[in-house]
């Protein structure tokens, strides 16, 4: 089990480029980690690169959890809540090992934490097909107006800053889009993003901390993590980022 284990004020983030694992034998071995349901879901993707990204990202989740729990990745059992957020049910652990997966074209990321619920989102900074009009349709006026204050070449980057924070937050809460992306917004003026609720918004289920970093010079990553029970809200969670080079070596 990793030294990180059961540190209640620390989160661990593993990231991996799916294209870094292409060996057929390695992929076949990782496939055996997946459940029958996961393999069936993977086969529904028409494009081979999407099937490959699904395989690597879900193997990353299983491998990362198994490292912390000292168990076989294929033995893990998950269930989803009413809004589709997965949770680990077997093996059970105390405190509970929380996790969240996100992936974008070229990178998959899994965040782990003992006890503290969390959500994450990652996007490529040069993601194609984005338009700042998205912010006017789905974000709050405060956010869309703030985006418009930036030079045109910076507006997509700013949009992604808000987008990934919103995604991370609703994933952490476990309620998905039922929360309404226009019922809350973020202030990015300070060192750490700050959540602000609109009138009538659902109240947070915890005291949340937010962090945002750039990974590998081209991916924007946002994390929402609940303050651990019994830990002062003023104590910021330490987030450790590592490349998941171990995933292929774990099969040897």
Protein backbone atom coordinates (compact mmCIF):
# COMPACT_ATOMS: atom_id res chain seq x y z
CA UNK A 1 0.00 0.00 0.00
CA UNK A 2 1.31 3.46 -0.89
CA UNK A 3 2.65 5.88 1.72
CA UNK A 4 -0.22 8.19 0.78
CA UNK A 5 -2.68 5.74 2.35
CA UNK A 6 -5.24 7.22 4.76
CA UNK A 7 -3.73 10.72 4.88
CA UNK A 8 -6.99 12.64 5.38
CA UNK A 9 -5.58 15.99 4.25
CA UNK A 10 -4.05 14.74 1.03
CA UNK A 11 -5.44 13.75 -2.36
CA UNK A 12 -3.60 11.77 -4.99
CA UNK A 13 -4.00 12.37 -8.71
CA UNK A 14 -2.69 9.85 -11.25
CA UNK A 15 -2.56 10.86 -14.92
CA UNK A 16 -1.74 8.85 -18.02
CA UNK A 17 -1.74 9.30 -21.79
CA UNK A 18 -3.73 6.39 -23.28
CA UNK A 19 -1.44 6.38 -26.34
CA UNK A 20 1.52 5.53 -24.08
CA UNK A 21 0.17 1.98 -23.79
CA UNK A 22 -0.23 0.31 -27.17
CA UNK A 23 1.31 -3.13 -26.72
CA UNK A 24 -1.35 -5.72 -27.56
CA UNK A 25 -0.34 -8.11 -24.76
CA UNK A 26 -0.49 -5.31 -22.18
CA UNK A 27 -3.91 -4.19 -23.40
CA UNK A 28 -5.18 -7.78 -23.27
CA UNK A 29 -4.01 -8.06 -19.67
CA UNK A 30 -5.65 -4.75 -18.72
CA UNK A 31 -8.84 -5.93 -20.38
CA UNK A 32 -9.01 -8.76 -17.85
CA UNK A 33 -9.17 -6.19 -15.06
CA UNK A 34 -12.51 -4.89 -16.38
CA UNK A 35 -15.89 -6.30 -15.46
CA UNK A 36 -18.17 -7.86 -18.06
CA UNK A 37 -20.29 -4.71 -18.00
CA UNK A 38 -17.25 -2.48 -18.57
CA UNK A 39 -16.08 -4.60 -21.49
CA UNK A 40 -19.55 -4.41 -23.01
CA UNK A 41 -19.62 -0.63 -22.63
CA UNK A 42 -16.20 -0.36 -24.24
CA UNK A 43 -17.33 -2.34 -27.29
CA UNK A 44 -20.17 0.13 -27.91
CA UNK A 45 -17.67 2.76 -29.06
CA UNK A 46 -17.35 2.73 -32.84
CA UNK A 47 -13.87 4.27 -33.06
CA UNK A 48 -10.94 2.13 -31.95
CA UNK A 49 -9.21 5.10 -30.28
CA UNK A 50 -12.29 5.67 -28.13
CA UNK A 51 -12.36 2.00 -27.15
CA UNK A 52 -8.68 2.23 -26.28
CA UNK A 53 -9.16 5.39 -24.20
CA UNK A 54 -12.01 3.70 -22.31
CA UNK A 55 -9.86 0.64 -21.60
CA UNK A 56 -6.87 2.62 -20.32
CA UNK A 57 -8.90 5.08 -18.23
CA UNK A 58 -10.94 2.37 -16.50
CA UNK A 59 -7.86 0.21 -15.99
CA UNK A 60 -6.23 3.27 -14.43
CA UNK A 61 -9.10 3.59 -11.95
CA UNK A 62 -8.92 -0.07 -10.99
CA UNK A 63 -5.14 -0.09 -10.78
CA UNK A 64 -4.96 3.07 -8.66
CA UNK A 65 -7.60 1.83 -6.21
CA UNK A 66 -6.00 -1.61 -5.99
CA UNK A 67 -2.62 -0.05 -5.12
CA UNK A 68 -4.18 1.66 -2.11
CA UNK A 69 -6.21 -1.36 -1.01
CA UNK A 70 -3.56 -4.01 -1.74
CA UNK A 71 -5.95 -6.14 -3.77
CA UNK A 72 -6.42 -7.45 -7.29
CA UNK A 73 -7.75 -4.76 -9.70
CA UNK A 74 -10.21 -7.24 -11.19
CA UNK A 75 -11.79 -7.94 -7.80
CA UNK A 76 -13.14 -4.40 -7.33
CA UNK A 77 -16.91 -3.98 -7.43
CA UNK A 78 -18.63 -0.66 -8.14
CA UNK A 79 -22.15 0.69 -8.01
CA UNK A 80 -23.60 3.98 -9.20
CA UNK A 81 -25.92 6.38 -7.40
CA UNK A 82 -29.16 7.69 -8.84
CA UNK A 83 -27.24 10.31 -10.84
CA UNK A 84 -24.67 7.89 -12.27
CA UNK A 85 -21.69 8.60 -10.01
CA UNK A 86 -19.71 5.39 -9.40
CA UNK A 87 -18.69 4.31 -5.91
CA UNK A 88 -16.50 1.48 -4.69
CA UNK A 89 -18.45 -1.12 -2.69
CA UNK A 90 -16.05 -4.08 -2.64
CA UNK A 91 -13.70 -4.33 -0.94
CA UNK A 92 -15.13 -2.10 1.79
CA UNK A 93 -12.68 0.17 3.59
CA UNK A 94 -12.72 2.37 6.68
CA UNK A 95 -12.28 5.22 6.10
CA UNK A 96 -13.91 5.08 2.69
CA UNK A 97 -11.65 5.40 -0.34
CA UNK A 98 -13.20 7.98 -2.67
CA UNK A 99 -12.29 8.40 -6.32
CA UNK A 100 -13.26 10.20 -9.48
CA UNK A 101 -12.27 9.72 -13.12
CA UNK A 102 -12.02 12.24 -15.92
CA UNK A 103 -10.59 11.99 -19.41
CA UNK A 104 -10.16 14.12 -22.49
CA UNK A 105 -8.50 13.60 -25.84
CA UNK A 106 -4.96 12.53 -24.95
CA UNK A 107 -5.16 12.19 -21.16
CA UNK A 108 -7.00 10.28 -18.45
CA UNK A 109 -6.91 11.27 -14.79
CA UNK A 110 -8.11 9.63 -11.59
CA UNK A 111 -8.23 11.45 -8.24
CA UNK A 112 -8.23 9.53 -4.93
CA UNK A 113 -8.91 10.55 -1.35
CA UNK A 114 -9.48 8.74 1.92
CA UNK A 115 -12.82 9.85 3.41
CA UNK A 116 -13.24 13.15 1.53
CA UNK A 117 -15.65 13.14 -1.40
CA UNK A 118 -14.18 14.64 -4.53
CA UNK A 119 -14.78 15.33 -8.20
CA UNK A 120 -12.44 16.22 -11.03
CA UNK A 121 -12.47 17.31 -14.64
CA UNK A 122 -9.76 17.65 -17.27
CA UNK A 123 -9.88 19.30 -20.69
CA UNK A 124 -7.37 19.87 -23.47
CA UNK A 125 -6.55 23.59 -23.66
CA UNK A 126 -6.75 23.41 -27.45
CA UNK A 127 -10.03 21.52 -27.53
CA UNK A 128 -11.70 21.93 -30.89
CA UNK A 129 -15.27 23.01 -31.47
CA UNK A 130 -15.64 25.29 -28.46
CA UNK A 131 -17.33 28.67 -28.72
CA UNK A 132 -17.63 31.28 -25.99
CA UNK A 133 -21.36 31.37 -26.74
CA UNK A 134 -21.54 28.21 -24.62
CA UNK A 135 -20.99 30.38 -21.55
CA UNK A 136 -24.04 32.52 -22.37
CA UNK A 137 -26.21 29.44 -22.73
CA UNK A 138 -25.10 27.42 -19.72
CA UNK A 139 -23.14 29.64 -17.33
CA UNK A 140 -24.25 32.50 -15.10
CA UNK A 141 -24.20 36.10 -16.37
CA UNK A 142 -21.35 36.79 -13.93
CA UNK A 143 -19.18 34.15 -15.59
CA UNK A 144 -20.03 34.95 -19.21
CA UNK A 145 -19.47 38.67 -18.60
CA UNK A 146 -16.12 37.98 -16.92
CA UNK A 147 -15.03 35.82 -19.86
CA UNK A 148 -15.86 38.68 -22.24
CA UNK A 149 -13.43 41.01 -20.44
CA UNK A 150 -10.48 38.96 -21.67
CA UNK A 151 -8.79 39.24 -25.07
CA UNK A 152 -10.40 36.98 -27.66
CA UNK A 153 -7.39 34.64 -27.74
CA UNK A 154 -7.77 34.04 -23.98
CA UNK A 155 -11.52 33.59 -23.80
CA UNK A 156 -11.62 29.85 -24.56
CA UNK A 157 -9.01 29.23 -21.86
CA UNK A 158 -11.12 31.23 -19.40
CA UNK A 159 -14.26 29.35 -20.44
CA UNK A 160 -12.47 26.06 -19.74
CA UNK A 161 -11.45 27.35 -16.31
CA UNK A 162 -15.09 27.79 -15.36
CA UNK A 163 -16.24 24.67 -17.19
CA UNK A 164 -13.84 22.29 -15.46
CA UNK A 165 -14.56 23.77 -12.03
CA UNK A 166 -18.30 23.40 -12.55
CA UNK A 167 -17.91 19.82 -13.75
CA UNK A 168 -15.64 18.95 -10.83
CA UNK A 169 -18.13 20.42 -8.34
CA UNK A 170 -21.25 18.68 -9.64
CA UNK A 171 -19.33 15.39 -9.87
CA UNK A 172 -18.12 15.80 -6.29
CA UNK A 173 -21.66 16.47 -5.09
CA UNK A 174 -22.75 13.38 -7.03
CA UNK A 175 -25.86 15.04 -8.46
CA UNK A 176 -24.79 15.73 -12.01
CA UNK A 177 -26.53 18.31 -14.16
CA UNK A 178 -29.60 18.21 -11.92
CA UNK A 179 -27.85 20.96 -9.94
CA UNK A 180 -28.07 23.41 -12.84
CA UNK A 181 -24.85 24.98 -14.13
CA UNK A 182 -26.42 28.45 -13.98
CA UNK A 183 -27.32 28.24 -10.27
CA UNK A 184 -23.78 28.80 -9.02
CA UNK A 185 -20.61 30.43 -10.23
CA UNK A 186 -16.94 30.76 -9.37
CA UNK A 187 -14.80 33.73 -8.53
CA UNK A 188 -11.30 33.32 -9.95
CA UNK A 189 -9.86 36.52 -8.50
CA UNK A 190 -8.06 34.82 -5.61
CA UNK A 191 -5.35 32.16 -5.48
CA UNK A 192 -8.02 29.48 -4.96
CA UNK A 193 -11.34 29.44 -6.86
CA UNK A 194 -14.30 30.42 -4.70
CA UNK A 195 -17.82 28.98 -5.06
CA UNK A 196 -20.72 31.47 -5.01
CA UNK A 197 -24.36 30.35 -4.97
CA UNK A 198 -27.19 32.09 -6.79
CA UNK A 199 -30.56 32.61 -5.13
CA UNK A 200 -32.44 29.31 -4.99
CA UNK A 201 -29.38 27.16 -5.65
CA UNK A 202 -28.99 23.80 -3.94
CA UNK A 203 -26.96 24.20 -0.77
CA UNK A 204 -23.57 22.44 -0.77
CA UNK A 205 -23.52 19.15 1.10
CA UNK A 206 -20.04 19.93 2.47
CA UNK A 207 -17.43 22.63 2.76
CA UNK A 208 -15.57 22.41 -0.54
CA UNK A 209 -12.07 23.32 -1.57
CA UNK A 210 -11.12 23.86 -5.22
CA UNK A 211 -7.81 23.62 -7.03
CA UNK A 212 -6.89 24.13 -10.65
CA UNK A 213 -3.61 23.31 -12.39
CA UNK A 214 -2.21 22.76 -15.87
CA UNK A 215 -0.91 19.24 -16.53
CA UNK A 216 1.72 18.46 -19.16
CA UNK A 217 1.55 22.05 -20.47
CA UNK A 218 -1.67 21.47 -22.40
CA UNK A 219 -4.37 20.05 -20.12
CA UNK A 220 -6.42 22.03 -17.62
CA UNK A 221 -7.36 20.05 -14.50
CA UNK A 222 -9.82 21.09 -11.79
CA UNK A 223 -10.49 19.37 -8.48
CA UNK A 224 -13.29 19.81 -5.93
CA UNK A 225 -12.71 18.10 -2.60
CA UNK A 226 -14.69 18.16 0.63
CA UNK A 227 -12.94 19.20 3.83
CA UNK A 228 -12.28 16.06 5.82
CA UNK A 229 -14.36 15.59 8.94
CA UNK A 230 -12.51 16.88 11.98
CA UNK A 231 -10.04 18.88 9.87
CA UNK A 232 -10.08 22.67 9.93
CA UNK A 233 -11.59 24.28 6.83
CA UNK A 234 -8.61 26.64 6.74
CA UNK A 235 -6.24 23.70 6.18
CA UNK A 236 -5.96 23.26 2.44
CA UNK A 237 -5.82 19.75 1.08
CA UNK A 238 -2.45 18.83 -0.38
CA UNK A 239 -2.79 17.39 -3.87
CA UNK A 240 -0.02 15.12 -5.15
CA UNK A 241 0.23 14.68 -8.93
CA UNK A 242 2.02 11.69 -10.43
CA UNK A 243 2.30 10.02 -13.80
CA UNK A 244 0.92 6.47 -13.70
CA UNK A 245 3.99 4.77 -15.12
CA UNK A 246 3.32 1.78 -12.87
CA UNK A 247 0.27 0.57 -14.77
CA UNK A 248 2.21 -1.44 -17.36
CA UNK A 249 4.88 -2.57 -14.89
CA UNK A 250 2.19 -3.93 -12.54
CA UNK A 251 1.47 -6.64 -15.11
CA UNK A 252 5.02 -7.96 -15.19
